[in-house]
N, C-alpha and C. Protein backbone atom coordinates (compact mmCIF):
# COMPACT_ATOMS: atom_id res chain seq x y z
N MET A 1 83.55 -71.83 -123.63
CA MET A 1 82.92 -71.52 -123.56
C MET A 1 81.57 -73.09 -124.13
N ILE A 2 80.54 -72.65 -124.21
CA ILE A 2 79.66 -74.11 -124.12
C ILE A 2 78.79 -73.26 -125.60
N LEU A 3 78.34 -73.80 -126.04
CA LEU A 3 77.28 -73.26 -126.98
C LEU A 3 76.45 -74.61 -127.15
N ASN A 4 75.07 -74.44 -127.04
CA ASN A 4 74.35 -75.21 -126.49
C ASN A 4 73.15 -75.09 -128.12
N VAL A 5 73.24 -76.09 -128.59
CA VAL A 5 72.24 -76.40 -129.67
C VAL A 5 71.00 -77.39 -129.84
N ALA A 6 69.76 -76.90 -129.58
CA ALA A 6 68.51 -77.67 -130.15
C ALA A 6 68.28 -77.79 -131.22
N VAL A 7 68.61 -79.06 -131.59
CA VAL A 7 68.09 -79.52 -132.99
C VAL A 7 66.50 -80.41 -132.63
N ASP A 8 65.63 -80.26 -133.15
CA ASP A 8 64.11 -80.84 -133.39
C ASP A 8 64.11 -81.39 -131.91
N GLY A 9 63.76 -80.59 -130.56
CA GLY A 9 64.06 -80.87 -129.47
C GLY A 9 65.39 -81.79 -128.67
N GLN A 10 65.99 -82.30 -129.30
CA GLN A 10 67.07 -82.94 -129.00
C GLN A 10 68.28 -81.81 -128.20
N ASN A 11 69.24 -82.02 -127.46
CA ASN A 11 70.44 -80.54 -126.80
C ASN A 11 71.56 -81.54 -127.22
N VAL A 12 72.54 -80.38 -127.71
CA VAL A 12 73.97 -81.06 -128.12
C VAL A 12 75.06 -79.45 -127.40
N ASP A 13 75.40 -79.93 -126.63
CA ASP A 13 76.29 -79.22 -126.43
C ASP A 13 77.80 -78.76 -126.61
N ILE A 14 78.67 -77.78 -127.42
CA ILE A 14 79.66 -77.83 -128.30
C ILE A 14 80.51 -77.04 -127.32
N ASN A 15 81.51 -77.52 -126.47
CA ASN A 15 82.59 -76.79 -126.28
C ASN A 15 83.47 -76.20 -127.35
N VAL A 16 83.61 -75.25 -127.10
CA VAL A 16 84.25 -74.42 -128.02
C VAL A 16 85.39 -73.49 -126.41
N PRO A 17 86.68 -74.06 -127.18
CA PRO A 17 87.69 -73.40 -126.22
C PRO A 17 87.54 -71.95 -126.63
N ASP A 18 88.34 -71.33 -125.23
CA ASP A 18 88.03 -69.36 -125.64
C ASP A 18 89.27 -69.43 -127.23
N THR A 19 90.62 -70.16 -126.99
CA THR A 19 91.88 -69.64 -127.54
C THR A 19 91.12 -69.44 -129.10
N MET A 20 89.96 -70.37 -129.56
CA MET A 20 89.80 -70.85 -130.87
C MET A 20 88.92 -69.46 -131.27
N LEU A 21 89.07 -68.63 -130.66
CA LEU A 21 88.06 -67.05 -131.26
C LEU A 21 89.84 -66.87 -131.84
N SER A 22 90.35 -66.60 -131.12
CA SER A 22 91.43 -66.05 -131.90
C SER A 22 92.29 -66.46 -132.70
N GLU A 23 92.73 -68.21 -132.44
CA GLU A 23 93.08 -69.10 -133.16
C GLU A 23 92.71 -69.11 -134.70
N ALA A 24 91.40 -69.82 -134.63
CA ALA A 24 90.75 -69.45 -136.09
C ALA A 24 90.03 -68.00 -136.73
N ARG A 25 90.73 -67.35 -136.63
CA ARG A 25 90.85 -65.76 -137.29
C ARG A 25 90.32 -65.85 -138.96
N ASP A 26 91.39 -66.27 -139.64
CA ASP A 26 91.64 -66.86 -140.82
C ASP A 26 90.32 -67.60 -140.93
N PHE A 27 89.81 -68.54 -140.89
CA PHE A 27 88.84 -69.58 -140.63
C PHE A 27 87.67 -68.36 -140.92
N PHE A 28 87.45 -67.67 -140.21
CA PHE A 28 86.15 -67.23 -139.88
C PHE A 28 86.34 -66.19 -141.24
N GLU A 29 87.44 -65.54 -141.17
CA GLU A 29 87.69 -64.68 -142.67
C GLU A 29 87.28 -65.11 -143.88
N LYS A 30 87.84 -66.27 -144.14
CA LYS A 30 87.69 -66.82 -145.10
C LYS A 30 85.92 -66.72 -145.23
N VAL A 31 85.22 -67.49 -144.14
CA VAL A 31 83.85 -68.09 -144.12
C VAL A 31 83.09 -66.45 -144.91
N ASP A 32 83.68 -65.18 -144.59
CA ASP A 32 82.27 -63.77 -144.17
C ASP A 32 83.20 -63.31 -146.03
N SER A 33 84.41 -63.85 -146.72
CA SER A 33 84.82 -63.57 -147.79
C SER A 33 83.63 -64.57 -148.85
N ASP A 34 83.58 -66.05 -148.24
CA ASP A 34 82.63 -66.88 -149.33
C ASP A 34 81.04 -65.95 -149.40
N LEU A 35 80.68 -65.24 -147.82
CA LEU A 35 79.17 -65.17 -148.04
C LEU A 35 79.65 -63.84 -148.45
N ASP A 36 80.52 -63.06 -148.57
CA ASP A 36 80.07 -61.93 -148.66
C ASP A 36 79.71 -61.66 -150.74
N LYS A 37 79.67 -62.63 -151.07
CA LYS A 37 79.56 -63.00 -152.44
C LYS A 37 78.06 -63.05 -152.08
N GLY A 38 76.92 -63.58 -151.31
CA GLY A 38 75.67 -63.88 -151.57
C GLY A 38 75.76 -65.38 -150.92
N TYR A 39 74.26 -65.39 -150.89
CA TYR A 39 74.12 -67.20 -149.90
C TYR A 39 72.48 -67.53 -150.13
N GLN A 40 72.47 -68.85 -151.06
CA GLN A 40 71.22 -69.07 -150.60
C GLN A 40 70.76 -69.66 -149.95
N MET A 41 69.10 -68.52 -149.38
CA MET A 41 69.18 -68.90 -147.82
C MET A 41 67.26 -69.46 -147.66
N GLY A 42 67.34 -70.47 -147.97
CA GLY A 42 65.87 -71.17 -148.17
C GLY A 42 65.82 -71.59 -149.93
N ARG A 43 64.30 -70.60 -150.15
CA ARG A 43 64.32 -70.43 -151.75
C ARG A 43 64.70 -68.66 -151.62
N TYR A 44 65.13 -68.24 -150.95
CA TYR A 44 66.05 -66.90 -151.55
C TYR A 44 66.74 -66.52 -151.40
N TRP A 45 67.43 -65.57 -152.72
CA TRP A 45 69.38 -65.75 -152.64
C TRP A 45 69.21 -64.43 -151.93
N VAL A 46 69.88 -63.99 -150.71
CA VAL A 46 70.72 -62.99 -150.69
C VAL A 46 71.93 -62.26 -150.94
N GLU A 47 72.39 -61.24 -151.59
CA GLU A 47 73.30 -60.92 -151.90
C GLU A 47 74.06 -60.34 -150.88
N ASN A 48 74.32 -60.00 -149.65
CA ASN A 48 74.88 -59.47 -148.73
C ASN A 48 74.54 -60.21 -147.25
N PRO A 49 74.54 -61.39 -146.78
CA PRO A 49 74.17 -61.37 -145.39
C PRO A 49 74.59 -60.50 -144.80
N ASN A 50 73.02 -60.27 -143.52
CA ASN A 50 73.92 -59.30 -142.74
C ASN A 50 74.33 -60.14 -141.43
N PRO A 51 74.85 -59.49 -140.12
CA PRO A 51 75.56 -60.81 -138.79
C PRO A 51 74.27 -61.78 -138.78
N GLU A 52 73.24 -61.53 -138.48
CA GLU A 52 72.36 -62.75 -138.20
C GLU A 52 72.01 -63.90 -138.99
N GLN A 53 72.03 -63.48 -140.47
CA GLN A 53 71.85 -64.26 -141.58
C GLN A 53 73.46 -65.23 -141.60
N ARG A 54 74.39 -64.27 -140.96
CA ARG A 54 75.05 -65.02 -141.53
C ARG A 54 75.59 -66.41 -140.32
N CYS A 55 74.72 -66.02 -138.90
CA CYS A 55 74.89 -66.86 -137.89
C CYS A 55 74.19 -67.58 -138.10
N GLN A 56 72.89 -67.66 -138.48
CA GLN A 56 71.92 -68.66 -139.30
C GLN A 56 72.40 -70.15 -140.41
N ILE A 57 73.17 -69.15 -141.34
CA ILE A 57 74.22 -70.10 -142.41
C ILE A 57 74.77 -71.07 -141.35
N ALA A 58 75.82 -70.14 -140.88
CA ALA A 58 77.02 -71.19 -139.93
C ALA A 58 76.11 -72.62 -138.80
N ALA A 59 75.09 -71.72 -138.71
CA ALA A 59 74.34 -72.89 -137.47
C ALA A 59 73.56 -73.87 -138.39
N ASP A 60 72.80 -73.38 -139.70
CA ASP A 60 72.27 -74.60 -140.39
C ASP A 60 73.81 -75.48 -140.73
N LYS A 61 74.86 -75.43 -141.28
CA LYS A 61 76.31 -75.84 -141.55
C LYS A 61 76.43 -76.78 -140.28
N LEU A 62 75.98 -76.80 -138.90
CA LEU A 62 76.21 -76.62 -137.91
C LEU A 62 75.49 -77.77 -137.81
N VAL A 63 74.32 -77.63 -137.91
CA VAL A 63 73.46 -79.27 -137.72
C VAL A 63 74.30 -80.06 -138.87
N THR A 64 74.12 -79.88 -140.06
CA THR A 64 74.70 -80.82 -140.86
C THR A 64 75.94 -81.46 -140.00
N ALA A 65 77.10 -80.86 -139.68
CA ALA A 65 78.25 -81.20 -138.95
C ALA A 65 77.39 -82.14 -137.71
N ILE A 66 76.83 -81.95 -136.95
CA ILE A 66 76.14 -82.59 -135.92
C ILE A 66 75.70 -84.22 -136.41
N GLU A 67 74.84 -83.83 -137.36
CA GLU A 67 73.89 -84.70 -138.26
C GLU A 67 75.59 -85.86 -138.74
N ASN A 68 76.38 -85.47 -139.32
CA ASN A 68 77.32 -86.07 -140.08
C ASN A 68 78.34 -86.36 -138.70
N GLU A 69 78.74 -86.37 -137.25
CA GLU A 69 79.13 -86.77 -136.69
C GLU A 69 80.58 -86.10 -136.49
N ASN A 70 80.83 -84.81 -137.15
CA ASN A 70 81.76 -84.62 -137.58
C ASN A 70 82.47 -83.14 -136.62
N ARG A 71 82.79 -83.25 -135.31
CA ARG A 71 82.95 -82.68 -134.32
C ARG A 71 83.60 -81.30 -134.79
N ASN A 72 84.73 -81.32 -135.42
CA ASN A 72 85.63 -80.25 -135.69
C ASN A 72 85.09 -79.50 -136.74
N MET A 73 84.51 -79.75 -137.22
CA MET A 73 83.24 -79.14 -138.15
C MET A 73 82.46 -78.21 -137.49
N ALA A 74 81.86 -78.97 -136.10
CA ALA A 74 80.76 -78.35 -135.73
C ALA A 74 81.09 -77.30 -134.37
N THR A 75 82.21 -77.80 -134.57
CA THR A 75 83.09 -77.14 -133.16
C THR A 75 83.53 -75.68 -134.03
N MET A 76 83.98 -75.54 -135.30
CA MET A 76 84.18 -74.20 -135.91
C MET A 76 83.23 -73.83 -136.13
N MET A 77 81.87 -73.77 -136.60
CA MET A 77 81.03 -73.40 -136.95
C MET A 77 80.03 -72.50 -135.57
N SER A 78 80.18 -73.19 -134.39
CA SER A 78 80.11 -72.95 -133.11
C SER A 78 80.80 -71.45 -133.07
N ALA A 79 82.29 -71.80 -132.91
CA ALA A 79 83.09 -70.75 -132.62
C ALA A 79 83.00 -69.38 -133.41
N TYR A 80 82.29 -69.38 -134.67
CA TYR A 80 82.50 -68.79 -135.91
C TYR A 80 81.12 -67.92 -135.05
N ILE A 81 79.83 -68.91 -134.88
CA ILE A 81 79.14 -68.12 -134.50
C ILE A 81 79.01 -67.49 -133.20
N LEU A 82 79.91 -67.47 -132.30
CA LEU A 82 80.62 -66.68 -131.24
C LEU A 82 81.07 -66.36 -131.26
N SER A 83 81.97 -65.98 -132.44
CA SER A 83 82.82 -64.99 -132.94
C SER A 83 82.30 -63.85 -133.57
N LYS A 84 80.88 -63.96 -134.22
CA LYS A 84 79.72 -63.04 -134.61
C LYS A 84 79.10 -61.80 -133.06
N ALA A 85 78.25 -63.25 -132.36
CA ALA A 85 77.46 -62.26 -131.50
C ALA A 85 78.11 -63.53 -130.38
N PRO A 86 79.07 -62.68 -129.24
CA PRO A 86 79.71 -63.82 -128.14
C PRO A 86 78.24 -63.88 -127.29
N HIS A 87 77.31 -62.88 -127.20
CA HIS A 87 76.08 -63.05 -126.27
C HIS A 87 75.61 -64.02 -126.74
N ILE A 88 75.14 -64.92 -127.30
CA ILE A 88 74.87 -66.35 -127.94
C ILE A 88 75.07 -67.09 -126.89
N GLU A 89 73.71 -68.01 -126.26
CA GLU A 89 74.33 -69.71 -125.47
C GLU A 89 73.79 -70.27 -126.09
N SER A 90 72.50 -70.37 -126.70
CA SER A 90 72.00 -71.19 -127.39
C SER A 90 71.22 -71.00 -129.16
N VAL A 91 71.52 -72.13 -130.00
CA VAL A 91 70.95 -72.19 -130.79
C VAL A 91 69.80 -73.06 -130.97
N VAL A 92 68.58 -72.01 -131.73
CA VAL A 92 67.26 -73.54 -131.85
C VAL A 92 66.40 -73.61 -133.17
N ILE A 93 66.85 -74.65 -133.83
CA ILE A 93 66.68 -75.11 -134.90
C ILE A 93 65.98 -76.54 -135.25
N ASP A 94 64.54 -76.19 -135.71
CA ASP A 94 63.82 -77.14 -136.68
C ASP A 94 64.50 -77.55 -137.48
N SER A 95 64.56 -78.51 -137.74
CA SER A 95 65.51 -78.81 -139.23
C SER A 95 64.30 -78.84 -140.26
N SER A 96 62.81 -78.80 -139.60
CA SER A 96 61.46 -79.32 -141.15
C SER A 96 61.64 -77.58 -141.21
N ASP A 97 61.86 -76.92 -140.70
CA ASP A 97 61.75 -75.09 -141.16
C ASP A 97 62.75 -74.75 -141.75
N GLU A 98 62.30 -73.19 -142.40
CA GLU A 98 63.81 -72.47 -143.45
C GLU A 98 64.79 -72.47 -142.57
N ILE A 99 65.46 -72.22 -142.99
CA ILE A 99 67.29 -71.43 -142.81
C ILE A 99 66.47 -69.91 -141.82
N GLN A 100 65.49 -69.64 -141.86
CA GLN A 100 65.04 -68.07 -141.49
C GLN A 100 65.06 -68.58 -140.65
N GLU A 101 64.40 -69.42 -139.76
CA GLU A 101 63.52 -69.63 -138.69
C GLU A 101 64.49 -70.54 -137.85
N ILE A 102 66.18 -70.62 -137.86
CA ILE A 102 66.78 -70.73 -136.69
C ILE A 102 66.98 -69.47 -135.63
N HIS A 103 66.66 -70.01 -134.45
CA HIS A 103 66.74 -68.43 -133.50
C HIS A 103 68.21 -68.70 -132.72
N PHE A 104 68.33 -67.95 -132.10
CA PHE A 104 69.13 -67.36 -131.11
C PHE A 104 68.81 -67.03 -130.14
N LEU A 105 69.31 -67.91 -128.83
CA LEU A 105 69.13 -67.20 -127.33
C LEU A 105 70.33 -66.51 -126.78
């Protein structure tokens, strides 16, 4: 699967092997367990992020991974997003906006 990430007008395609969605299940459960404790989304504390917010949080971490050229983390965060919402094809991020302004297509 390919997840297209548009960051500040630059497009990056992240290739997520289909097998990763099942092989990384333990990682996804750990991410969810951490998020069940709440998360600071920009200026707001979110007690229990909903599925869309969880994807926004992962997309925010995805941007950091891309900026740091950490392909493994970028792939894992992309896989997490696709595990939560397999219909998503693109993530649109403007790094000057709040995390809540991350959009999915």
